[in-house]
Amino acid sequence: MGALGLISGALSTWLGFEFGPHWLRRLGAVFLLEAEMVPIGAFFAAAVALGLWLAAGRAVVLPVAALATLYAWSAAIHTATSIITTEGDLRLIAGCLAAGAVGAAITQLGAGIVLRELWRPWLLARTTLIGALLGLLYYAGERSILDGRLLFLLWQPAIAYAIGTGLAGRAQVAGA
């Protein structure tokens, strides 16, 4: 899953927010996203859904994980923008932490609708913490400390890997 997340992150980094054709507007509206935000969410949704489907072997995982991930991306964006309403480092840091946590948690919980092993509290807490901490990459990008696109290149594979280990750990325990 980490490798799929890395591919997704690389595509998101390369494409960035530059691709937003008019035909994505309607799809974006379904997920409460601007057209330019859809491809980034779609890349990650495809990575998560494919990885979980490969790990679990259940076809129902594909649409559920993909939809949950797209809504998680939307929730993360809206979380950040609702907190970052004024200038100031504390608001920006809080928005970045919250957005990273919300995106990670909803992605895992959404996939957990069909893969109950992902609902284990310590796995969810770990994924959420990783998401929050890596959400600070957005802060670094906004303050020109790092290239802001690193958010996608690092956050997406880390979260995909963290979620995937929830299934891998269960399989190892069951097989022991």
C-alpha atoms as a PDB file:
ATOM      1  CA  MET A   1       0.000   0.000   0.000  1.00  0.00           C
ATOM      2  CA  GLY A   2       2.888   2.306   0.692  1.00  0.00           C
ATOM      3  CA  ALA A   3       4.123   1.873  -2.898  1.00  0.00           C
ATOM      4  CA  LEU A   4       0.667   2.672  -4.272  1.00  0.00           C
ATOM      5  CA  GLY A   5       0.559   5.719  -1.998  1.00  0.00           C
ATOM      6  CA  LEU A   6       3.948   6.801  -3.331  1.00  0.00           C
ATOM      7  CA  ILE A   7       2.709   6.532  -6.924  1.00  0.00           C
ATOM      8  CA  SER A   8      -0.387   8.503  -5.965  1.00  0.00           C
ATOM      9  CA  GLY A   9       1.704  11.090  -4.152  1.00  0.00           C
ATOM     10  CA  ALA A  10       4.059  11.443  -7.122  1.00  0.00           C
ATOM     11  CA  LEU A  11       1.145  11.933  -9.523  1.00  0.00           C
ATOM     12  CA  SER A  12      -0.450  14.432  -7.138  1.00  0.00           C
ATOM     13  CA  THR A  13       2.847  16.292  -6.786  1.00  0.00           C
ATOM     14  CA  TRP A  14       3.407  16.381 -10.536  1.00  0.00           C
ATOM     15  CA  LEU A  15      -0.122  17.467 -11.399  1.00  0.00           C
ATOM     16  CA  GLY A  16      -0.676  19.625  -8.332  1.00  0.00           C
ATOM     17  CA  PHE A  17      -3.614  21.981  -8.433  1.00  0.00           C
ATOM     18  CA  GLU A  18      -3.046  22.878 -12.078  1.00  0.00           C
ATOM     19  CA  PHE A  19      -5.436  20.384 -13.695  1.00  0.00           C
ATOM     20  CA  GLY A  20      -9.076  21.293 -13.347  1.00  0.00           C
ATOM     21  CA  PRO A  21     -10.986  20.902 -16.602  1.00  0.00           C
ATOM     22  CA  HIS A  22     -14.616  21.929 -16.698  1.00  0.00           C
ATOM     23  CA  TRP A  23     -15.788  18.312 -16.952  1.00  0.00           C
ATOM     24  CA  LEU A  24     -14.511  17.698 -13.412  1.00  0.00           C
ATOM     25  CA  ARG A  25     -16.766  20.385 -11.939  1.00  0.00           C
ATOM     26  CA  ARG A  26     -19.800  18.112 -11.602  1.00  0.00           C
ATOM     27  CA  LEU A  27     -17.779  15.318 -10.065  1.00  0.00           C
ATOM     28  CA  GLY A  28     -16.145  17.812  -7.751  1.00  0.00           C
ATOM     29  CA  ALA A  29     -19.543  19.075  -6.664  1.00  0.00           C
ATOM     30  CA  VAL A  30     -20.496  15.555  -5.529  1.00  0.00           C
ATOM     31  CA  PHE A  31     -17.497  15.571  -3.198  1.00  0.00           C
ATOM     32  CA  LEU A  32     -17.743  19.285  -2.305  1.00  0.00           C
ATOM     33  CA  LEU A  33     -14.481  19.951  -4.135  1.00  0.00           C
ATOM     34  CA  GLU A  34     -13.304  22.418  -6.741  1.00  0.00           C
ATOM     35  CA  ALA A  35     -12.380  20.775 -10.060  1.00  0.00           C
ATOM     36  CA  GLU A  36      -8.654  21.323  -9.372  1.00  0.00           C
ATOM     37  CA  MET A  37      -8.875  19.328  -6.141  1.00  0.00           C
ATOM     38  CA  VAL A  38     -10.494  16.242  -7.681  1.00  0.00           C
ATOM     39  CA  PRO A  39      -7.428  14.623  -9.334  1.00  0.00           C
ATOM     40  CA  ILE A  40      -5.353  14.646  -6.139  1.00  0.00           C
ATOM     41  CA  GLY A  41      -8.165  13.013  -4.198  1.00  0.00           C
ATOM     42  CA  ALA A  42      -8.872  10.590  -7.028  1.00  0.00           C
ATOM     43  CA  PHE A  43      -5.246   9.436  -7.231  1.00  0.00           C
ATOM     44  CA  PHE A  44      -5.156   8.716  -3.515  1.00  0.00           C
ATOM     45  CA  ALA A  45      -8.623   7.143  -3.553  1.00  0.00           C
ATOM     46  CA  ALA A  46      -7.516   4.785  -6.313  1.00  0.00           C
ATOM     47  CA  ALA A  47      -4.337   3.883  -4.423  1.00  0.00           C
ATOM     48  CA  VAL A  48      -6.142   3.153  -1.161  1.00  0.00           C
ATOM     49  CA  ALA A  49      -8.980   1.250  -2.808  1.00  0.00           C
ATOM     50  CA  LEU A  50      -6.672  -0.852  -4.975  1.00  0.00           C
ATOM     51  CA  GLY A  51      -4.304  -1.606  -2.112  1.00  0.00           C
ATOM     52  CA  LEU A  52      -7.076  -2.660   0.247  1.00  0.00           C
ATOM     53  CA  TRP A  53      -8.757  -4.713  -2.455  1.00  0.00           C
ATOM     54  CA  LEU A  54      -5.486  -6.520  -3.171  1.00  0.00           C
ATOM     55  CA  ALA A  55      -4.962  -7.160   0.541  1.00  0.00           C
ATOM     56  CA  ALA A  56      -8.522  -8.210   1.362  1.00  0.00           C
ATOM     57  CA  GLY A  57      -9.659  -9.744  -1.909  1.00  0.00           C
ATOM     58  CA  ARG A  58     -13.189  -8.330  -1.543  1.00  0.00           C
ATOM     59  CA  ALA A  59     -14.625  -6.389  -4.479  1.00  0.00           C
ATOM     60  CA  VAL A  60     -16.895  -4.274  -2.272  1.00  0.00           C
ATOM     61  CA  VAL A  61     -13.750  -2.642  -0.864  1.00  0.00           C
ATOM     62  CA  LEU A  62     -13.079  -0.810  -4.139  1.00  0.00           C
ATOM     63  CA  PRO A  63     -16.064   1.573  -4.222  1.00  0.00           C
ATOM     64  CA  VAL A  64     -16.372   1.974  -0.451  1.00  0.00           C
ATOM     65  CA  ALA A  65     -12.696   2.804   0.106  1.00  0.00           C
ATOM     66  CA  ALA A  66     -12.572   5.080  -2.940  1.00  0.00           C
ATOM     67  CA  LEU A  67     -15.653   7.058  -1.901  1.00  0.00           C
ATOM     68  CA  ALA A  68     -14.512   7.301   1.718  1.00  0.00           C
ATOM     69  CA  THR A  69     -11.082   8.535   0.623  1.00  0.00           C
ATOM     70  CA  LEU A  70     -12.521  11.206  -1.657  1.00  0.00           C
ATOM     71  CA  TYR A  71     -14.787  12.446   1.112  1.00  0.00           C
ATOM     72  CA  ALA A  72     -11.828  12.321   3.525  1.00  0.00           C
ATOM     73  CA  TRP A  73      -9.857  14.550   1.140  1.00  0.00           C
ATOM     74  CA  SER A  74     -12.792  16.954   0.980  1.00  0.00           C
ATOM     75  CA  ALA A  75     -13.170  16.945   4.775  1.00  0.00           C
ATOM     76  CA  ALA A  76      -9.453  17.640   5.209  1.00  0.00           C
ATOM     77  CA  ILE A  77      -9.596  20.613   2.867  1.00  0.00           C
ATOM     78  CA  HIS A  78     -12.693  22.022   4.530  1.00  0.00           C
ATOM     79  CA  THR A  79     -11.237  21.449   7.992  1.00  0.00           C
ATOM     80  CA  ALA A  80      -8.114  23.391   7.099  1.00  0.00           C
ATOM     81  CA  THR A  81      -9.984  26.260   5.483  1.00  0.00           C
ATOM     82  CA  SER A  82     -12.428  26.575   8.363  1.00  0.00           C
ATOM     83  CA  ILE A  83      -9.594  26.918  10.865  1.00  0.00           C
ATOM     84  CA  ILE A  84      -7.248  29.028   8.757  1.00  0.00           C
ATOM     85  CA  THR A  85      -9.526  32.036   8.415  1.00  0.00           C
ATOM     86  CA  THR A  86      -6.978  34.668   9.419  1.00  0.00           C
ATOM     87  CA  GLU A  87      -3.248  35.088   9.174  1.00  0.00           C
ATOM     88  CA  GLY A  88      -1.128  33.712  11.943  1.00  0.00           C
ATOM     89  CA  ASP A  89       1.127  30.779  12.556  1.00  0.00           C
ATOM     90  CA  LEU A  90      -0.941  29.236  15.350  1.00  0.00           C
ATOM     91  CA  ARG A  91      -4.074  29.060  13.206  1.00  0.00           C
ATOM     92  CA  LEU A  92      -2.098  27.701  10.269  1.00  0.00           C
ATOM     93  CA  ILE A  93      -0.425  25.058  12.439  1.00  0.00           C
ATOM     94  CA  ALA A  94      -3.751  24.074  14.011  1.00  0.00           C
ATOM     95  CA  GLY A  95      -5.393  23.881  10.592  1.00  0.00           C
ATOM     96  CA  CYS A  96      -2.586  21.732   9.200  1.00  0.00           C
ATOM     97  CA  LEU A  97      -2.625  19.342  12.156  1.00  0.00           C
ATOM     98  CA  ALA A  98      -6.406  19.061  12.084  1.00  0.00           C
ATOM     99  CA  ALA A  99      -6.637  18.611   8.313  1.00  0.00           C
ATOM    100  CA  GLY A 100      -3.975  15.893   8.287  1.00  0.00           C
ATOM    101  CA  ALA A 101      -5.657  14.077  11.151  1.00  0.00           C
ATOM    102  CA  VAL A 102      -9.161  14.347   9.688  1.00  0.00           C
ATOM    103  CA  GLY A 103      -8.077  13.127   6.254  1.00  0.00           C
ATOM    104  CA  ALA A 104      -6.213  10.139   7.679  1.00  0.00           C
ATOM    105  CA  ALA A 105      -8.899   9.152  10.174  1.00  0.00           C
ATOM    106  CA  ILE A 106     -11.826   9.364   7.756  1.00  0.00           C
ATOM    107  CA  THR A 107      -9.922   7.407   5.122  1.00  0.00           C
ATOM    108  CA  GLN A 108      -9.266   4.572   7.567  1.00  0.00           C
ATOM    109  CA  LEU A 109     -12.722   4.651   9.150  1.00  0.00           C
ATOM    110  CA  GLY A 110     -14.374   4.703   5.736  1.00  0.00           C
ATOM    111  CA  ALA A 111     -12.474   1.639   4.602  1.00  0.00           C
ATOM    112  CA  GLY A 112     -13.314   0.103   7.969  1.00  0.00           C
ATOM    113  CA  ILE A 113     -16.969   0.032   6.949  1.00  0.00           C
ATOM    114  CA  VAL A 114     -16.175  -3.113   4.973  1.00  0.00           C
ATOM    115  CA  LEU A 115     -12.896  -4.100   6.639  1.00  0.00           C
ATOM    116  CA  ARG A 116     -13.683  -4.129  10.350  1.00  0.00           C
ATOM    117  CA  GLU A 117     -10.092  -4.867  11.353  1.00  0.00           C
ATOM    118  CA  LEU A 118      -9.289  -1.239  10.494  1.00  0.00           C
ATOM    119  CA  TRP A 119     -11.478  -0.058  13.382  1.00  0.00           C
ATOM    120  CA  ARG A 120      -8.973  -1.130  16.037  1.00  0.00           C
ATOM    121  CA  PRO A 121      -8.427   1.956  18.226  1.00  0.00           C
ATOM    122  CA  TRP A 122      -4.638   1.847  18.374  1.00  0.00           C
ATOM    123  CA  LEU A 123      -4.371   1.502  14.582  1.00  0.00           C
ATOM    124  CA  LEU A 124      -6.744   4.399  14.071  1.00  0.00           C
ATOM    125  CA  ALA A 125      -4.863   6.516  16.615  1.00  0.00           C
ATOM    126  CA  ARG A 126      -1.539   5.770  14.918  1.00  0.00           C
ATOM    127  CA  THR A 127      -2.840   6.600  11.438  1.00  0.00           C
ATOM    128  CA  THR A 128      -4.472   9.788  12.732  1.00  0.00           C
ATOM    129  CA  LEU A 129      -1.285  10.894  14.502  1.00  0.00           C
ATOM    130  CA  ILE A 130       0.826  10.250  11.401  1.00  0.00           C
ATOM    131  CA  GLY A 131      -1.687  12.203   9.321  1.00  0.00           C
ATOM    132  CA  ALA A 132      -1.638  15.120  11.738  1.00  0.00           C
ATOM    133  CA  LEU A 133       2.135  15.314  11.955  1.00  0.00           C
ATOM    134  CA  LEU A 134       2.617  15.063   8.204  1.00  0.00           C
ATOM    135  CA  GLY A 135      -0.129  17.652   7.778  1.00  0.00           C
ATOM    136  CA  LEU A 136       2.468  20.107   9.052  1.00  0.00           C
ATOM    137  CA  LEU A 137       4.136  19.809   5.657  1.00  0.00           C
ATOM    138  CA  TYR A 138       1.415  22.123   4.420  1.00  0.00           C
ATOM    139  CA  TYR A 139       2.566  24.670   6.988  1.00  0.00           C
ATOM    140  CA  ALA A 140       6.158  24.278   5.784  1.00  0.00           C
ATOM    141  CA  GLY A 141       4.989  24.835   2.234  1.00  0.00           C
ATOM    142  CA  GLU A 142       2.930  27.902   3.116  1.00  0.00           C
ATOM    143  CA  ARG A 143       5.920  29.412   4.922  1.00  0.00           C
ATOM    144  CA  SER A 144       8.277  28.507   2.020  1.00  0.00           C
ATOM    145  CA  ILE A 145      10.359  26.277   4.265  1.00  0.00           C
ATOM    146  CA  LEU A 146       9.822  23.298   1.942  1.00  0.00           C
ATOM    147  CA  ASP A 147       8.139  22.737  -1.390  1.00  0.00           C
ATOM    148  CA  GLY A 148       4.439  22.446  -0.498  1.00  0.00           C
ATOM    149  CA  ARG A 149       4.004  19.532  -2.891  1.00  0.00           C
ATOM    150  CA  LEU A 150       5.990  17.360  -0.482  1.00  0.00           C
ATOM    151  CA  LEU A 151       2.740  17.070   1.454  1.00  0.00           C
ATOM    152  CA  PHE A 152       1.373  14.721  -1.198  1.00  0.00           C
ATOM    153  CA  LEU A 153       4.651  12.880  -1.767  1.00  0.00           C
ATOM    154  CA  LEU A 154       5.043  12.031   1.926  1.00  0.00           C
ATOM    155  CA  TRP A 155       1.531  12.103   3.458  1.00  0.00           C
ATOM    156  CA  GLN A 156      -0.133   9.810   0.915  1.00  0.00           C
ATOM    157  CA  PRO A 157       2.327   6.881   1.091  1.00  0.00           C
ATOM    158  CA  ALA A 158       2.614   7.162   4.871  1.00  0.00           C
ATOM    159  CA  ILE A 159      -1.144   7.020   5.379  1.00  0.00           C
ATOM    160  CA  ALA A 160      -1.617   4.250   2.809  1.00  0.00           C
ATOM    161  CA  TYR A 161       1.104   2.226   4.523  1.00  0.00           C
ATOM    162  CA  ALA A 162      -0.333   2.863   7.995  1.00  0.00           C
ATOM    163  CA  ILE A 163      -3.786   1.752   6.891  1.00  0.00           C
ATOM    164  CA  GLY A 164      -2.400  -1.260   5.036  1.00  0.00           C
ATOM    165  CA  THR A 165      -0.538  -2.483   8.085  1.00  0.00           C
ATOM    166  CA  GLY A 166      -3.913  -2.752   9.814  1.00  0.00           C
ATOM    167  CA  LEU A 167      -4.758  -5.598   7.469  1.00  0.00           C
ATOM    168  CA  ALA A 168      -1.268  -7.057   7.359  1.00  0.00           C
ATOM    169  CA  GLY A 169      -1.094  -7.316  11.151  1.00  0.00           C
ATOM    170  CA  ARG A 170      -4.441  -9.064  11.286  1.00  0.00           C
ATOM    171  CA  ALA A 171      -3.389 -11.553   8.612  1.00  0.00           C
ATOM    172  CA  GLN A 172      -0.156 -12.346  10.476  1.00  0.00           C
ATOM    173  CA  VAL A 173      -2.025 -12.913  13.723  1.00  0.00           C
ATOM    174  CA  ALA A 174      -4.615 -15.121  12.007  1.00  0.00           C
ATOM    175  CA  GLY A 175      -1.925 -17.120  10.220  1.00  0.00           C
ATOM    176  CA  ALA A 176       0.188 -17.694  13.349  1.00  0.00           C
END
